[in-house]
Amino acid sequence: MYNKKLKGSITVPGDKSISHRAVMFASIAKGVSHINGFLNGADCISTINCFRQMGIEIEQLNDKVTVKGKGMYGLTKPGKELYCGNSGTTVRLLSGILSAQDFSSSLNGDASIQKRPMARVIEPLKSMGANITSFNNSSKTPLFIEPSRLHGIHYKSPVASAQVKSAILLAGLYAKGETLVEEIYKSRNHTELMLESFGAKVSSAALSAKVSRTDELFANDITVPGDISSAAYFLVAALISPGSELLIKNVGINPTRDGILEVLKNMGADIEIVDSYMAGFEPCADLLVRHSKLYGTSIGGSIIPRLIDEIPVIAIAASMAEGTTIIKDAAELKVKESDRLKVMSEELTKLGAKIEATEDGLIIEGGHSLQAATINSYKDHRIAMSFYILNTLLKEQLKIIDADCVNISFPNFYSDFNNLLQ
């Protein structure tokens, strides 16, 4: 196999989940909030644009954002439909906030968003008293929201989804009484941590989060750590490329998000935390990663929500490992920007990998020689970046259809990656 190695250091862009939430919560807080390390990607810009349409003054200069919040009831009726682009986070979390406002609104997105399931937020919000409906009762966007009075609920979520949990908790800020969300596995907890820092009455336990009606949120300065989902491509690339040694700086290692580190170490990865610290309420670290011989592993159960966005790149690592990797309990990947189980199986097969998609996961037999081919990203940023890292090992470069979809979460991905190659 052809080989290029990765050397040097990189700081990955800000965490996408945290960037979304920082803008949202600052907008409904009272006063001026400053956000440092904001992800200047298409999805997060969609969130900014939506709040600007509702009367919030937001200034942005690269990764620095200033939000002049107007309080929990300071949003104004948008003059037109709120367009959320490709961002499921924007649609679902905004649904919770808008359900409690005194004006009508509608939410929509691009062709990908219009295929994604929204019943998971519509149903619990309706049970809180929200007046929310979908296009032709399809449980898909566009969503239409009318003013209503909300009451707290005790909701047992059938999916471990931070977007679902967050939508309910945000509605719960405005609802009479307490709102409790229970999950089958713990999903990422950025909402609970950040809401508390803005002054919300929120608490969490092992598999639940609770919020009480809150009269006011107050401005807060937020430092956004680097996104571990973006760091994942560099971790795997260095591990599979002989001679590589790479320092990835300022990576968020929230324990509800660090599943990829656990899985890669189980596969034999040489990953070292060389510095750890707190960025506000979020734990961060610099990660030193070196090329390693990897071995197949089994992945499933409670770890899946901790690495759900990293499964495509884990599949790449598994294709280069010795032995078989089995991924299960990951049916959620079928309803992301693409059906990631199907796409990873079909596109890796094109390269010569031995991989099978199952009902809820993947079975990957590693160690097969791969060859370049044309890859369809299906406009899914995580698919495009996962395959691109294989170019370190292939004599001919992969061609990726709709490669610019990486702008959703990592606009400079290709140049940043290529600058590390030797």
Protein backbone atom coordinates (compact mmCIF):
# COMPACT_ATOMS: atom_id res chain seq x y z
CA MET A 1 0.00 0.00 0.00
CA TYR A 2 0.99 3.58 -0.69
CA ASN A 3 1.64 5.51 2.51
CA LYS A 4 1.77 9.06 3.72
CA LYS A 5 2.10 9.85 7.39
CA LEU A 6 0.68 12.63 9.55
CA LYS A 7 3.07 14.72 11.63
CA GLY A 8 2.72 17.86 13.70
CA SER A 9 -0.20 19.33 15.61
CA ILE A 10 -3.69 20.61 14.93
CA THR A 11 -6.46 22.39 16.80
CA VAL A 12 -9.84 21.20 15.57
CA PRO A 13 -12.84 23.56 15.23
CA GLY A 14 -15.28 24.17 18.06
CA ASP A 15 -17.81 21.59 19.16
CA LYS A 16 -20.91 21.70 16.97
CA SER A 17 -23.36 20.66 19.68
CA ILE A 18 -22.03 23.22 22.15
CA SER A 19 -21.90 26.01 19.56
CA HIS A 20 -25.59 25.54 18.69
CA ARG A 21 -26.62 25.57 22.32
CA ALA A 22 -24.48 28.57 23.23
CA VAL A 23 -26.24 30.75 20.64
CA MET A 24 -29.70 29.46 21.57
CA PHE A 25 -29.37 29.84 25.31
CA ALA A 26 -27.63 33.22 25.05
CA SER A 27 -30.49 34.46 22.85
CA ILE A 28 -33.13 33.68 25.47
CA ALA A 29 -30.95 34.93 28.33
CA LYS A 30 -30.96 38.50 29.61
CA GLY A 31 -27.87 40.49 28.69
CA VAL A 32 -24.80 40.16 26.49
CA SER A 33 -23.04 36.80 26.16
CA HIS A 34 -19.66 36.22 24.51
CA ILE A 35 -18.90 32.91 22.82
CA ASN A 36 -15.29 31.97 22.05
CA GLY A 37 -14.35 28.99 19.89
CA PHE A 38 -17.67 28.98 18.01
CA LEU A 39 -17.88 26.55 15.10
CA ASN A 40 -18.18 28.65 11.96
CA GLY A 41 -19.86 25.84 10.02
CA ALA A 42 -23.05 25.83 7.97
CA ASP A 43 -25.19 24.10 10.61
CA CYS A 44 -24.33 26.54 13.38
CA ILE A 45 -24.76 29.51 11.05
CA SER A 46 -28.32 28.24 10.46
CA THR A 47 -28.96 28.60 14.20
CA ILE A 48 -27.58 32.16 14.20
CA ASN A 49 -29.75 33.10 11.22
CA CYS A 50 -32.91 31.75 12.86
CA PHE A 51 -32.40 33.82 16.00
CA ARG A 52 -31.57 36.92 13.99
CA GLN A 53 -34.93 36.47 12.27
CA MET A 54 -36.52 36.56 15.73
CA GLY A 55 -35.00 39.90 16.65
CA ILE A 56 -31.77 38.86 18.37
CA GLU A 57 -28.68 40.93 17.59
CA ILE A 58 -25.76 38.58 16.98
CA GLU A 59 -22.30 39.70 15.92
CA GLN A 60 -19.84 37.16 14.55
CA LEU A 61 -16.16 37.45 13.70
CA ASN A 62 -14.77 34.01 12.81
CA ASP A 63 -14.99 31.93 16.01
CA LYS A 64 -16.01 34.83 18.25
CA VAL A 65 -19.72 35.52 18.66
CA THR A 66 -21.52 38.16 20.72
CA VAL A 67 -25.20 37.59 21.46
CA LYS A 68 -27.39 40.39 22.85
CA GLY A 69 -30.04 38.30 24.57
CA LYS A 70 -33.52 39.65 25.24
CA GLY A 71 -34.65 37.23 27.92
CA MET A 72 -36.89 34.19 27.83
CA TYR A 73 -39.83 36.10 26.36
CA GLY A 74 -37.87 38.52 24.20
CA LEU A 75 -38.05 36.71 20.88
CA THR A 76 -40.27 38.29 18.22
CA LYS A 77 -42.36 36.69 15.50
CA PRO A 78 -40.21 35.90 12.44
CA GLY A 79 -41.33 37.46 9.19
CA LYS A 80 -41.02 34.17 7.33
CA GLU A 81 -40.39 30.47 7.78
CA LEU A 82 -37.30 29.68 9.85
CA TYR A 83 -34.90 27.84 7.56
CA CYS A 84 -32.62 25.41 9.41
CA GLY A 85 -30.57 24.13 6.48
CA ASN A 86 -29.12 20.69 7.17
CA SER A 87 -29.26 21.06 10.95
CA GLY A 88 -31.39 18.61 12.89
CA THR A 89 -30.18 20.19 16.13
CA THR A 90 -31.57 23.56 15.07
CA VAL A 91 -35.00 22.15 14.14
CA ARG A 92 -35.46 19.96 17.20
CA LEU A 93 -34.13 22.28 19.90
CA LEU A 94 -35.91 25.30 18.44
CA SER A 95 -39.15 23.31 18.53
CA GLY A 96 -38.89 23.20 22.31
CA ILE A 97 -38.23 26.94 22.65
CA LEU A 98 -40.85 28.02 20.11
CA SER A 99 -43.58 25.85 21.64
CA ALA A 100 -43.71 28.28 24.58
CA GLN A 101 -43.67 31.58 22.66
CA ASP A 102 -46.68 33.85 22.16
CA PHE A 103 -46.36 33.91 18.37
CA SER A 104 -46.80 31.38 15.59
CA SER A 105 -43.79 30.04 13.70
CA SER A 106 -42.72 27.38 11.23
CA LEU A 107 -39.49 25.41 10.84
CA ASN A 108 -38.08 23.81 7.73
CA GLY A 109 -34.78 22.70 6.25
CA ASP A 110 -33.12 21.24 3.18
CA ALA A 111 -34.07 18.01 1.40
CA SER A 112 -32.15 15.92 3.95
CA ILE A 113 -33.91 17.52 6.93
CA GLN A 114 -37.29 16.98 5.27
CA LYS A 115 -36.68 13.22 5.44
CA ARG A 116 -35.63 13.06 9.08
CA PRO A 117 -38.03 11.89 11.84
CA MET A 118 -39.59 14.64 13.92
CA ALA A 119 -42.22 12.60 15.79
CA ARG A 120 -39.59 12.03 18.45
CA VAL A 121 -39.94 15.70 19.48
CA ILE A 122 -43.50 16.38 18.30
CA GLU A 123 -45.09 13.75 20.54
CA PRO A 124 -43.47 14.69 23.88
CA LEU A 125 -43.99 18.40 23.18
CA LYS A 126 -47.66 17.77 22.44
CA SER A 127 -47.95 15.90 25.72
CA MET A 128 -46.71 19.10 27.40
CA GLY A 129 -49.53 21.03 25.76
CA ALA A 130 -47.64 22.32 22.74
CA ASN A 131 -49.61 23.14 19.60
CA ILE A 132 -47.18 21.66 17.08
CA THR A 133 -48.04 19.94 13.80
CA SER A 134 -46.12 18.65 10.80
CA PHE A 135 -46.58 18.83 7.06
CA ASN A 136 -49.55 16.59 6.12
CA ASN A 137 -49.21 14.97 9.57
CA SER A 138 -46.12 13.25 8.19
CA SER A 139 -43.97 13.81 11.31
CA LYS A 140 -41.51 15.51 8.95
CA THR A 141 -40.71 19.16 8.34
CA PRO A 142 -42.02 21.74 7.85
CA LEU A 143 -43.25 22.01 11.42
CA PHE A 144 -45.93 24.53 12.40
CA ILE A 145 -46.09 25.88 15.96
CA GLU A 146 -48.85 27.97 17.52
CA PRO A 147 -48.87 29.63 20.97
CA SER A 148 -49.84 27.44 23.92
CA ARG A 149 -49.37 27.03 27.65
CA LEU A 150 -47.09 24.21 28.66
CA HIS A 151 -47.04 21.92 31.67
CA GLY A 152 -44.27 19.68 32.92
CA ILE A 153 -44.17 15.96 32.13
CA HIS A 154 -42.26 12.84 33.13
CA TYR A 155 -41.10 11.46 29.78
CA LYS A 156 -39.42 8.12 29.14
CA SER A 157 -37.61 8.55 25.84
CA PRO A 158 -37.50 5.45 23.61
CA VAL A 159 -34.23 6.71 22.07
CA ALA A 160 -31.07 8.01 23.73
CA SER A 161 -31.04 11.32 21.91
CA ALA A 162 -29.61 14.57 23.22
CA GLN A 163 -31.73 16.46 20.69
CA VAL A 164 -34.95 14.94 22.03
CA LYS A 165 -33.90 15.45 25.64
CA SER A 166 -32.87 19.04 24.97
CA ALA A 167 -36.09 19.96 23.15
CA ILE A 168 -38.14 18.75 26.13
CA LEU A 169 -35.91 20.45 28.71
CA LEU A 170 -36.03 23.75 26.81
CA ALA A 171 -39.83 23.58 26.71
CA GLY A 172 -39.67 22.68 30.39
CA LEU A 173 -38.04 26.03 31.18
CA TYR A 174 -41.39 27.63 30.34
CA ALA A 175 -43.69 24.88 31.62
CA LYS A 176 -45.70 24.81 34.84
CA GLY A 177 -44.11 22.46 37.38
CA GLU A 178 -41.21 20.08 36.76
CA THR A 179 -40.17 18.30 33.57
CA LEU A 180 -38.21 15.05 33.80
CA VAL A 181 -36.68 13.11 30.90
CA GLU A 182 -35.51 9.53 31.35
CA GLU A 183 -33.36 7.74 28.76
CA ILE A 184 -32.45 4.13 28.06
CA TYR A 185 -28.79 5.18 27.89
CA LYS A 186 -27.28 8.52 28.82
CA SER A 187 -26.92 10.88 25.87
CA ARG A 188 -24.58 13.88 25.70
CA ASN A 189 -25.25 16.31 28.53
CA HIS A 190 -24.17 19.69 27.12
CA THR A 191 -27.67 21.13 27.55
CA GLU A 192 -27.85 20.33 31.27
CA LEU A 193 -24.36 21.72 31.95
CA MET A 194 -24.86 24.89 29.94
CA LEU A 195 -28.40 25.65 31.12
CA GLU A 196 -27.19 25.51 34.70
CA SER A 197 -24.45 28.02 33.87
CA PHE A 198 -27.14 30.40 32.53
CA GLY A 199 -29.11 30.09 35.76
CA ALA A 200 -31.73 27.45 34.94
CA LYS A 201 -33.13 25.20 37.64
CA VAL A 202 -31.77 21.96 36.19
CA SER A 203 -30.39 18.76 37.66
CA SER A 204 -29.38 15.37 36.34
CA ALA A 205 -28.93 11.80 37.51
CA ALA A 206 -27.47 8.70 35.87
CA LEU A 207 -30.16 8.31 33.19
CA SER A 208 -32.37 11.33 33.72
CA ALA A 209 -32.44 15.11 33.61
CA LYS A 210 -34.92 17.44 35.28
CA VAL A 211 -35.77 21.10 34.86
CA SER A 212 -38.19 23.37 36.72
CA ARG A 213 -39.96 26.41 35.34
CA THR A 214 -37.40 29.21 35.24
CA ASP A 215 -38.30 32.89 35.35
CA GLU A 216 -35.14 34.18 33.73
CA LEU A 217 -31.80 33.11 32.28
CA PHE A 218 -28.81 35.43 32.56
CA ALA A 219 -26.01 36.16 30.12
CA ASN A 220 -22.90 34.03 30.40
CA ASP A 221 -19.58 33.79 28.56
CA ILE A 222 -18.97 30.43 26.91
CA THR A 223 -15.70 28.85 25.78
CA VAL A 224 -16.37 26.14 23.22
CA PRO A 225 -13.85 23.27 23.24
CA GLY A 226 -12.70 21.51 20.08
CA ASP A 227 -15.15 18.95 18.73
CA ILE A 228 -14.15 15.36 19.50
CA SER A 229 -16.21 14.30 16.47
CA SER A 230 -13.87 16.38 14.28
CA ALA A 231 -10.80 15.14 16.15
CA ALA A 232 -11.90 11.56 15.41
CA TYR A 233 -10.83 11.74 11.75
CA PHE A 234 -7.30 12.77 12.72
CA LEU A 235 -7.13 10.15 15.48
CA VAL A 236 -8.03 7.35 13.09
CA ALA A 237 -5.90 8.70 10.25
CA ALA A 238 -2.80 8.76 12.46
CA LEU A 239 -3.54 5.30 13.85
CA ILE A 240 -3.83 3.63 10.43
CA SER A 241 -0.97 5.51 8.71
CA PRO A 242 2.49 4.04 9.51
CA GLY A 243 5.00 6.53 10.92
CA SER A 244 2.35 9.00 12.09
CA GLU A 245 2.52 10.96 15.33
CA LEU A 246 0.05 13.77 15.86
CA LEU A 247 -0.90 16.14 18.68
CA ILE A 248 -4.56 17.19 18.60
CA LYS A 249 -5.10 20.23 20.81
CA ASN A 250 -8.07 21.47 22.83
CA VAL A 251 -10.38 18.47 22.37
CA GLY A 252 -13.56 18.26 24.43
CA ILE A 253 -13.53 15.00 26.38
CA ASN A 254 -16.91 15.22 28.09
CA PRO A 255 -17.55 11.67 29.42
CA THR A 256 -20.86 11.55 27.54
CA ARG A 257 -18.90 12.07 24.29
CA ASP A 258 -15.58 10.23 24.70
CA GLY A 259 -16.66 6.75 23.62
CA ILE A 260 -14.38 6.82 20.60
CA LEU A 261 -11.32 7.08 22.84
CA GLU A 262 -12.44 4.00 24.77
CA VAL A 263 -13.16 2.00 21.61
CA LEU A 264 -9.91 2.92 19.87
CA LYS A 265 -7.88 2.05 22.98
CA ASN A 266 -9.73 -1.30 23.13
CA MET A 267 -8.58 -1.83 19.53
CA GLY A 268 -4.94 -1.25 20.54
CA ALA A 269 -4.59 2.48 19.85
CA ASP A 270 -1.70 4.46 21.31
CA ILE A 271 -3.54 7.59 22.47
CA GLU A 272 -2.17 9.65 25.33
CA ILE A 273 -3.76 12.54 27.20
CA VAL A 274 -0.84 14.95 27.57
CA ASP A 275 -2.75 17.80 29.18
CA SER A 276 -6.24 18.06 30.64
CA TYR A 277 -8.10 21.12 31.86
CA MET A 278 -11.57 22.69 32.05
CA ALA A 279 -13.02 25.05 29.44
CA GLY A 280 -15.75 26.53 31.58
CA PHE A 281 -17.96 23.56 32.50
CA GLU A 282 -16.54 21.22 29.83
CA PRO A 283 -13.45 18.98 30.31
CA CYS A 284 -10.79 19.30 27.59
CA ALA A 285 -7.46 17.73 26.73
CA ASP A 286 -4.60 17.63 24.26
CA LEU A 287 -4.35 14.17 22.70
CA LEU A 288 -1.14 12.60 21.40
CA VAL A 289 -1.80 9.77 18.95
CA ARG A 290 0.70 7.45 17.24
CA HIS A 291 0.36 4.83 14.53
CA SER A 292 -0.76 1.54 16.07
CA LYS A 293 -1.64 -1.99 15.08
CA LEU A 294 -5.39 -2.24 15.55
CA TYR A 295 -7.56 -5.26 16.34
CA GLY A 296 -11.23 -5.97 15.86
CA THR A 297 -13.65 -5.33 18.72
CA SER A 298 -17.33 -5.41 19.67
CA ILE A 299 -19.23 -2.16 20.15
CA GLY A 300 -22.78 -1.85 21.50
CA GLY A 301 -25.06 -0.93 24.38
CA SER A 302 -24.56 2.16 26.51
CA ILE A 303 -21.42 3.30 24.69
CA ILE A 304 -23.28 3.92 21.42
CA PRO A 305 -24.72 7.36 22.36
CA ARG A 306 -21.19 8.37 23.42
CA LEU A 307 -19.85 7.82 19.90
CA ILE A 308 -22.88 7.84 17.60
CA ASP A 309 -21.38 10.43 15.22
CA GLU A 310 -18.02 8.65 15.13
CA ILE A 311 -19.25 5.26 13.92
CA PRO A 312 -18.48 5.97 10.24
CA VAL A 313 -14.82 6.70 11.00
CA ILE A 314 -14.68 3.77 13.43
CA ALA A 315 -15.75 1.63 10.48
CA ILE A 316 -12.73 2.94 8.58
CA ALA A 317 -10.46 1.99 11.48
CA ALA A 318 -12.10 -1.45 11.65
CA SER A 319 -11.49 -2.04 7.94
CA MET A 320 -7.76 -1.61 8.59
CA ALA A 321 -7.70 -3.69 11.80
CA GLU A 322 -6.81 -7.33 12.27
CA GLY A 323 -9.89 -9.45 12.89
CA THR A 324 -13.61 -8.68 12.91
CA THR A 325 -15.41 -5.70 14.41
CA ILE A 326 -19.10 -5.96 15.29
CA ILE A 327 -21.16 -2.80 15.83
CA LYS A 328 -24.73 -3.16 17.15
CA ASP A 329 -27.47 -1.08 18.80
CA ALA A 330 -26.77 1.71 16.29
CA ALA A 331 -30.03 1.82 14.33
CA GLU A 332 -30.10 5.58 14.99
CA LEU A 333 -27.53 5.91 12.19
CA LYS A 334 -30.24 5.10 9.66
CA VAL A 335 -31.91 8.47 10.24
CA LYS A 336 -28.93 10.82 10.21
CA GLU A 337 -27.95 13.00 7.22
CA SER A 338 -27.85 9.69 5.34
CA ASP A 339 -28.46 6.06 6.26
CA ARG A 340 -24.92 5.77 7.52
CA LEU A 341 -25.03 2.01 8.03
CA LYS A 342 -26.08 1.41 4.43
CA VAL A 343 -23.77 4.04 3.00
CA MET A 344 -20.67 2.87 4.88
CA SER A 345 -21.34 -0.74 3.84
CA GLU A 346 -21.91 0.08 0.16
CA GLU A 347 -19.08 2.59 -0.22
CA LEU A 348 -16.43 0.60 1.70
CA THR A 349 -17.34 -2.45 -0.39
CA LYS A 350 -16.46 -0.42 -3.50
CA LEU A 351 -12.90 -0.14 -2.14
CA GLY A 352 -12.54 -3.87 -1.53
CA ALA A 353 -13.46 -4.01 2.16
CA LYS A 354 -15.52 -6.87 3.56
CA ILE A 355 -18.40 -5.25 5.43
CA GLU A 356 -22.04 -6.08 6.03
CA ALA A 357 -24.82 -3.81 7.25
CA THR A 358 -27.20 -5.37 9.76
CA GLU A 359 -30.51 -4.12 11.15
CA ASP A 360 -28.75 -2.08 13.82
CA GLY A 361 -25.07 -2.03 12.96
CA LEU A 362 -22.15 -3.29 10.92
CA ILE A 363 -19.94 -6.37 10.73
CA ILE A 364 -16.50 -5.51 9.38
CA GLU A 365 -13.79 -8.03 8.59
CA GLY A 366 -10.53 -6.12 8.63
CA GLY A 367 -7.25 -6.64 6.86
CA HIS A 368 -8.39 -6.57 3.23
CA SER A 369 -6.43 -4.58 0.69
CA LEU A 370 -8.25 -1.43 -0.41
CA GLN A 371 -8.18 0.35 -3.75
CA ALA A 372 -9.32 3.81 -4.78
CA ALA A 373 -12.81 4.33 -6.16
CA THR A 374 -15.43 7.05 -6.51
CA ILE A 375 -17.30 7.49 -3.24
CA ASN A 376 -20.77 8.96 -2.93
CA SER A 377 -20.94 11.03 0.24
CA TYR A 378 -24.71 11.46 -0.08
CA LYS A 379 -23.98 15.03 1.04
CA ASP A 380 -23.16 13.67 4.52
CA HIS A 381 -20.16 15.45 6.04
CA ARG A 382 -19.22 12.53 8.29
CA ILE A 383 -19.17 10.13 5.35
CA ALA A 384 -16.98 12.42 3.24
CA MET A 385 -14.40 13.01 6.00
CA SER A 386 -14.30 9.34 7.02
CA PHE A 387 -13.38 8.21 3.53
CA TYR A 388 -10.99 11.04 2.78
CA ILE A 389 -8.52 9.93 5.44
CA LEU A 390 -7.93 6.70 3.51
CA ASN A 391 -5.99 8.75 0.96
CA THR A 392 -2.93 8.37 3.20
CA LEU A 393 -2.88 4.68 2.24
CA LEU A 394 -4.04 4.63 -1.38
CA LYS A 395 -1.80 5.10 -4.41
CA GLU A 396 -4.60 6.80 -6.32
CA GLN A 397 -6.75 9.39 -4.62
CA LEU A 398 -10.38 8.72 -3.79
CA LYS A 399 -12.91 10.83 -5.64
CA ILE A 400 -15.69 11.97 -3.31
CA ILE A 401 -18.98 13.16 -4.80
CA ASP A 402 -20.31 16.30 -3.07
CA ALA A 403 -17.08 16.62 -1.12
CA ASP A 404 -17.94 20.18 -0.08
CA CYS A 405 -20.56 18.88 2.36
CA VAL A 406 -17.80 19.04 5.00
CA ASN A 407 -18.68 22.74 5.29
CA ILE A 408 -21.51 21.64 7.59
CA SER A 409 -19.11 20.95 10.46
CA PHE A 410 -15.47 21.45 9.33
CA PRO A 411 -15.05 23.96 6.48
CA ASN A 412 -11.22 23.73 6.41
CA PHE A 413 -11.03 19.98 6.82
CA TYR A 414 -9.25 19.14 3.55
CA SER A 415 -6.59 21.86 3.82
CA ASP A 416 -6.00 21.18 7.53
CA PHE A 417 -5.61 17.48 6.85
CA ASN A 418 -3.32 17.90 3.83
CA ASN A 419 -1.08 20.33 5.74
CA LEU A 420 -0.19 17.51 8.16
CA LEU A 421 0.84 15.02 5.47
CA GLN A 422 4.49 14.08 4.94
